[in-house]
Amino acid sequence: MNNQMDIGNPTRTRAILEKYGLSAKKSLGQNFLTDPNVLVNIVDAAEVSPDDDVIEVGPGIGSLTEQIAKRAHHVLAFEIDRNLMNVLDETLSPYDNITVVNQDVLKANVNEEVEKNLDGQRRLKLVANLPYYITTPILKTFMASTLPIDKMVVMMQKEVAERLTAKPGDKEYGSLSVVVQYRMDTQIEFDVSSKVFVPRPKVDSAIVSLTPHSDWEVMPEDDKDFFKTVHGCFMHRRKNIWNNMQGLYGKNPEIKAKIQNVLDDLGVDPQIRPERLTVLDFIKLHNRIKQEGLERK
């Protein structure tokens, strides 16, 4: 199909950047990955096969896109940078199973693009090297979407990866851990050194897989309201759950009595810090707060 060396080969990457006079745009969080082995390992972690259609965010010059296209049925890539469209036309020209959409994925109607460009007959996966500064918004967007995504495998800042995968009691465990693990099983697949990027970022990265899991034994009525409760409970990490809840709902005697009722009914020690609670603990806490009629200030 293609006699040229892979796009992600350092020599070819440099040649493409020089040909088009490209440099990474800091404002878009661009870094070009130049290690073909890492690119292949990402696709391996996603278990991409001809039975899969894959959404990619931020294809850049096409390094990861190419490796996905070699195995997937079709790749639908969203690229925000208009200046890269001509580059991608050339670099990805050997492949007839790639559609690149020049849109900001956070503003695009992704469902509409999926319906228009994919046949809906295959598993749907998200595989991407995410810009650090919008990693969380992109993940939350896809987690909240109605798309039947089978698996997400994404590269992100290692520090964020550790927060996504942290367990109760870990120092990295916080509201992001709870919000993501509420819907997804999370796992760090492998770390990626900053040395394999052009330009070299200041921090290392990690590849994280996120797989949707079934509902919990109890569920909140409203996800967004549940997330607000979780964020509120972690507002002051060094404070215990009792103090954080008073900060959220108030400190008058009636409200304090209601908070005490909630914690007593759930068997939660008021002195415990929020990072000791599991996702299910937070769901039960949220639901019991609603029953007690507590309203955030």
Protein backbone atom coordinates (compact mmCIF):
# COMPACT_ATOMS: atom_id res chain seq x y z
CA MET A 1 0.00 0.00 0.00
CA ASN A 2 2.78 2.41 0.94
CA ASN A 3 6.46 2.08 0.19
CA GLN A 4 7.48 5.13 2.22
CA MET A 5 8.71 4.88 5.78
CA ASP A 6 6.03 5.40 8.43
CA ILE A 7 4.95 8.96 9.17
CA GLY A 8 5.99 8.51 12.80
CA ASN A 9 9.57 7.66 11.84
CA PRO A 10 11.73 10.59 13.14
CA THR A 11 13.37 11.13 9.73
CA ARG A 12 10.05 11.28 7.89
CA THR A 13 8.44 13.45 10.58
CA ARG A 14 11.27 15.98 10.24
CA ALA A 15 10.95 15.93 6.45
CA ILE A 16 7.18 16.58 6.62
CA LEU A 17 7.60 19.42 9.12
CA GLU A 18 10.33 21.01 6.96
CA LYS A 19 8.41 20.60 3.71
CA TYR A 20 5.36 22.42 5.06
CA GLY A 21 7.23 24.84 7.31
CA LEU A 22 5.43 23.48 10.33
CA SER A 23 6.13 23.97 13.98
CA ALA A 24 4.02 22.72 16.86
CA LYS A 25 1.40 25.22 18.00
CA LYS A 26 1.61 25.67 21.73
CA SER A 27 -1.93 27.09 21.81
CA LEU A 28 -3.27 23.78 20.46
CA GLY A 29 -1.07 21.60 22.66
CA GLN A 30 0.68 20.11 19.65
CA ASN A 31 3.59 17.69 20.07
CA PHE A 32 4.55 15.25 17.33
CA LEU A 33 5.22 11.68 18.44
CA THR A 34 8.25 10.21 16.68
CA ASP A 35 8.53 6.63 17.88
CA PRO A 36 6.83 4.07 15.61
CA ASN A 37 7.01 1.41 18.35
CA VAL A 38 4.97 3.57 20.74
CA LEU A 39 2.41 4.24 17.99
CA VAL A 40 2.05 0.51 17.30
CA ASN A 41 1.76 -0.21 21.03
CA ILE A 42 -1.11 2.29 21.33
CA VAL A 43 -3.02 0.51 18.56
CA ASP A 44 -2.21 -2.84 20.21
CA ALA A 45 -3.59 -1.58 23.54
CA ALA A 46 -6.81 -0.58 21.76
CA GLU A 47 -7.01 -4.05 20.16
CA VAL A 48 -7.94 -2.43 16.86
CA SER A 49 -9.15 -4.86 14.18
CA PRO A 50 -11.09 -4.76 10.88
CA ASP A 51 -14.23 -5.11 13.02
CA ASP A 52 -13.60 -1.63 14.46
CA ASP A 53 -14.35 1.91 13.37
CA VAL A 54 -12.13 4.35 15.23
CA ILE A 55 -12.56 8.01 16.19
CA GLU A 56 -9.30 9.92 16.54
CA VAL A 57 -8.88 13.41 18.01
CA GLY A 58 -6.02 15.60 16.82
CA PRO A 59 -4.30 13.53 14.11
CA GLY A 60 -1.56 16.15 13.66
CA ILE A 61 0.47 15.02 10.64
CA GLY A 62 -1.11 11.54 10.69
CA SER A 63 1.43 9.41 12.59
CA LEU A 64 -1.08 7.59 14.81
CA THR A 65 -3.85 7.81 12.20
CA GLU A 66 -1.73 5.76 9.81
CA GLN A 67 -1.13 2.98 12.34
CA ILE A 68 -4.85 2.82 13.19
CA ALA A 69 -5.82 2.77 9.50
CA LYS A 70 -3.57 -0.24 8.88
CA ARG A 71 -5.83 -2.31 11.14
CA ALA A 72 -9.22 -0.62 11.44
CA HIS A 73 -12.18 -0.72 9.09
CA HIS A 74 -12.37 3.09 9.05
CA VAL A 75 -10.86 6.06 10.91
CA LEU A 76 -12.81 9.27 11.54
CA ALA A 77 -10.34 11.95 12.69
CA PHE A 78 -11.13 15.43 14.02
CA GLU A 79 -8.43 18.03 13.40
CA ILE A 80 -8.92 21.61 14.65
CA ASP A 81 -5.90 23.09 12.81
CA ARG A 82 -6.89 24.09 9.27
CA ASN A 83 -3.22 24.36 8.28
CA LEU A 84 -2.78 20.61 8.76
CA MET A 85 -5.53 19.57 6.34
CA ASN A 86 -3.28 19.78 3.23
CA VAL A 87 -0.54 17.94 5.10
CA LEU A 88 -2.93 15.12 6.03
CA ASP A 89 -4.23 14.95 2.46
CA GLU A 90 -0.70 14.08 1.38
CA THR A 91 0.57 11.96 4.27
CA LEU A 92 -2.56 9.82 4.45
CA SER A 93 -3.16 9.61 0.68
CA PRO A 94 -2.18 5.89 0.50
CA TYR A 95 -5.17 4.99 2.73
CA ASP A 96 -8.77 4.97 1.52
CA ASN A 97 -10.27 4.22 4.94
CA ILE A 98 -9.66 7.60 6.62
CA THR A 99 -11.98 10.63 6.88
CA VAL A 100 -10.52 13.80 8.37
CA VAL A 101 -12.98 16.44 9.58
CA ASN A 102 -11.64 19.97 10.11
CA GLN A 103 -13.52 20.70 13.32
CA ASP A 104 -12.97 21.24 17.02
CA VAL A 105 -14.22 17.96 18.48
CA LEU A 106 -15.64 19.84 21.49
CA LYS A 107 -17.85 21.92 19.19
CA ALA A 108 -18.57 19.35 16.49
CA ASN A 109 -21.74 17.28 16.26
CA VAL A 110 -19.77 14.05 16.64
CA ASN A 111 -22.87 11.82 16.45
CA GLU A 112 -23.80 13.40 13.13
CA GLU A 113 -20.28 12.93 11.74
CA VAL A 114 -20.25 9.30 12.90
CA GLU A 115 -23.60 8.67 11.23
CA LYS A 116 -22.45 10.36 8.02
CA ASN A 117 -19.01 8.74 7.72
CA LEU A 118 -19.26 5.34 9.43
CA ASP A 119 -21.61 2.47 8.56
CA GLY A 120 -22.70 1.72 12.12
CA GLN A 121 -22.07 -1.99 11.62
CA ARG A 122 -18.89 -2.25 13.68
CA ARG A 123 -17.55 -1.65 17.17
CA LEU A 124 -16.69 1.98 17.82
CA LYS A 125 -13.47 2.95 19.58
CA LEU A 126 -11.72 6.20 20.45
CA VAL A 127 -7.94 6.20 20.04
CA ALA A 128 -6.07 9.47 20.41
CA ASN A 129 -3.00 11.36 21.55
CA LEU A 130 -4.92 14.07 23.42
CA PRO A 131 -3.67 17.66 23.83
CA TYR A 132 -2.86 18.01 27.53
CA TYR A 133 -4.85 21.18 28.08
CA ILE A 134 -8.19 19.68 26.96
CA THR A 135 -7.79 16.03 27.98
CA THR A 136 -10.46 16.16 30.68
CA PRO A 137 -13.12 18.04 28.63
CA ILE A 138 -12.68 15.61 25.72
CA LEU A 139 -12.97 12.54 27.95
CA LYS A 140 -16.04 13.94 29.70
CA THR A 141 -17.63 14.79 26.34
CA PHE A 142 -17.25 11.24 25.04
CA MET A 143 -18.28 9.68 28.36
CA ALA A 144 -21.49 11.74 28.33
CA SER A 145 -22.27 11.10 24.66
CA THR A 146 -24.81 8.57 23.40
CA LEU A 147 -22.24 7.00 21.07
CA PRO A 148 -21.83 3.25 21.72
CA ILE A 149 -18.09 3.49 22.37
CA ASP A 150 -16.63 0.06 23.14
CA LYS A 151 -13.25 1.29 24.39
CA MET A 152 -11.16 4.45 24.66
CA VAL A 153 -7.37 4.34 24.54
CA VAL A 154 -5.79 7.74 24.94
CA MET A 155 -2.42 9.31 25.60
CA MET A 156 -2.36 12.00 28.26
CA GLN A 157 -0.11 13.67 30.79
CA LYS A 158 1.14 11.01 33.22
CA GLU A 159 -0.06 12.99 36.23
CA VAL A 160 -3.63 13.05 34.84
CA ALA A 161 -3.41 9.33 34.02
CA GLU A 162 -2.52 8.61 37.64
CA ARG A 163 -5.54 10.61 38.82
CA LEU A 164 -7.88 8.79 36.41
CA THR A 165 -6.75 5.37 37.60
CA ALA A 166 -6.23 6.11 41.32
CA LYS A 167 -7.98 4.00 43.95
CA PRO A 168 -9.58 5.19 47.22
CA GLY A 169 -6.83 6.10 49.68
CA ASP A 170 -4.27 6.97 46.97
CA LYS A 171 -2.98 10.53 47.18
CA GLU A 172 -3.94 11.05 43.51
CA TYR A 173 -7.56 9.94 44.12
CA GLY A 174 -9.98 12.84 43.74
CA SER A 175 -13.12 14.07 42.03
CA LEU A 176 -11.76 13.26 38.55
CA SER A 177 -11.08 9.66 39.65
CA VAL A 178 -14.66 9.28 40.91
CA VAL A 179 -16.34 10.98 37.93
CA VAL A 180 -14.44 8.87 35.36
CA GLN A 181 -14.59 5.57 37.27
CA TYR A 182 -18.34 6.07 37.76
CA ARG A 183 -18.69 5.11 34.08
CA MET A 184 -15.38 3.50 33.12
CA ASP A 185 -12.92 0.83 34.17
CA THR A 186 -9.56 2.59 33.90
CA GLN A 187 -6.06 1.24 33.49
CA ILE A 188 -2.62 2.64 32.65
CA GLU A 189 -1.33 0.51 29.76
CA PHE A 190 2.20 1.95 29.63
CA ASP A 191 4.21 5.12 30.15
CA VAL A 192 5.65 7.23 27.33
CA SER A 193 8.84 9.25 27.80
CA SER A 194 8.87 12.92 26.83
CA LYS A 195 11.98 12.11 24.73
CA VAL A 196 9.92 10.66 21.86
CA PHE A 197 8.13 13.93 21.05
CA VAL A 198 9.00 16.91 18.87
CA PRO A 199 9.07 19.39 20.52
CA ARG A 200 9.85 17.64 23.78
CA PRO A 201 7.21 18.39 26.46
CA LYS A 202 8.22 19.07 30.05
CA VAL A 203 6.39 16.02 31.41
CA ASP A 204 6.06 12.33 30.60
CA SER A 205 2.86 10.80 29.25
CA ALA A 206 0.92 7.59 29.74
CA ILE A 207 -1.48 5.52 27.69
CA VAL A 208 -4.76 4.89 29.49
CA SER A 209 -7.53 2.51 28.48
CA LEU A 210 -11.10 3.27 29.53
CA THR A 211 -13.79 0.63 29.11
CA PRO A 212 -17.48 1.28 29.88
CA HIS A 213 -18.87 -0.90 32.66
CA SER A 214 -22.42 -1.75 33.69
CA ASP A 215 -24.45 0.36 36.11
CA TRP A 216 -23.79 0.31 39.84
CA GLU A 217 -26.20 -1.47 42.21
CA VAL A 218 -27.71 1.96 42.90
CA MET A 219 -27.55 4.95 40.58
CA PRO A 220 -28.07 8.69 41.01
CA GLU A 221 -31.12 10.24 39.36
CA ASP A 222 -29.05 12.93 37.66
CA ASP A 223 -25.41 12.45 36.65
CA LYS A 224 -24.57 16.16 36.49
CA ASP A 225 -26.00 16.76 39.95
CA PHE A 226 -24.05 13.75 41.25
CA PHE A 227 -20.82 15.15 39.78
CA LYS A 228 -21.47 18.48 41.54
CA THR A 229 -21.81 16.62 44.86
CA VAL A 230 -18.52 14.80 44.22
CA HIS A 231 -16.66 18.00 43.28
CA GLY A 232 -18.09 19.71 46.38
CA CYS A 233 -16.94 16.91 48.68
CA PHE A 234 -13.38 17.27 47.34
CA MET A 235 -13.41 21.07 47.46
CA HIS A 236 -11.01 21.11 50.40
CA ARG A 237 -8.98 17.92 50.23
CA ARG A 238 -7.42 18.32 53.65
CA LYS A 239 -10.80 18.65 55.35
CA ASN A 240 -12.91 15.71 56.48
CA ILE A 241 -16.28 14.86 54.93
CA TRP A 242 -18.17 16.57 57.81
CA ASN A 243 -16.46 19.92 57.25
CA ASN A 244 -16.72 19.72 53.46
CA MET A 245 -20.45 19.00 53.65
CA GLN A 246 -20.98 21.94 55.98
CA GLY A 247 -19.13 24.08 53.46
CA LEU A 248 -21.52 22.82 50.77
CA TYR A 249 -24.85 22.91 52.61
CA GLY A 250 -24.45 25.27 55.55
CA LYS A 251 -23.75 25.25 59.27
CA ASN A 252 -26.99 26.10 60.99
CA PRO A 253 -28.21 23.52 63.56
CA GLU A 254 -30.99 22.13 61.34
CA ILE A 255 -28.65 21.52 58.41
CA LYS A 256 -25.95 20.05 60.65
CA ALA A 257 -28.54 17.62 62.03
CA LYS A 258 -29.47 16.57 58.48
CA ILE A 259 -25.82 16.06 57.56
CA GLN A 260 -25.37 13.95 60.68
CA ASN A 261 -28.44 11.87 59.69
CA VAL A 262 -27.01 11.24 56.22
CA LEU A 263 -23.61 10.11 57.53
CA ASP A 264 -25.12 8.02 60.35
CA ASP A 265 -27.51 6.22 57.99
CA LEU A 266 -24.64 5.32 55.66
CA GLY A 267 -22.25 4.41 58.48
CA VAL A 268 -19.74 7.01 57.28
CA ASP A 269 -17.35 8.38 59.90
CA PRO A 270 -17.71 12.20 59.86
CA GLN A 271 -13.92 12.47 60.39
CA ILE A 272 -13.08 10.50 57.24
CA ARG A 273 -11.52 12.37 54.34
CA PRO A 274 -13.30 12.21 50.97
CA GLU A 275 -10.44 10.30 49.31
CA ARG A 276 -11.28 7.27 51.45
CA LEU A 277 -14.76 6.89 49.90
CA THR A 278 -15.42 4.59 46.93
CA VAL A 279 -17.47 5.53 43.88
CA LEU A 280 -20.40 3.53 45.28
CA ASP A 281 -20.03 5.35 48.62
CA PHE A 282 -20.37 8.67 46.80
CA ILE A 283 -23.46 7.49 44.88
CA LYS A 284 -25.13 6.42 48.12
CA LEU A 285 -24.07 9.66 49.82
CA HIS A 286 -25.51 11.75 46.99
CA ASN A 287 -28.81 9.86 46.95
CA ARG A 288 -29.17 10.12 50.72
CA ILE A 289 -28.42 13.88 50.56
CA LYS A 290 -31.28 14.24 48.07
CA GLN A 291 -33.63 12.26 50.33
CA GLU A 292 -32.75 14.52 53.26
CA GLY A 293 -33.58 17.58 51.14
CA LEU A 294 -30.19 19.23 51.52
CA GLU A 295 -29.57 21.99 48.96
CA ARG A 296 -26.17 23.37 48.01
CA LYS A 297 -25.62 26.94 49.11
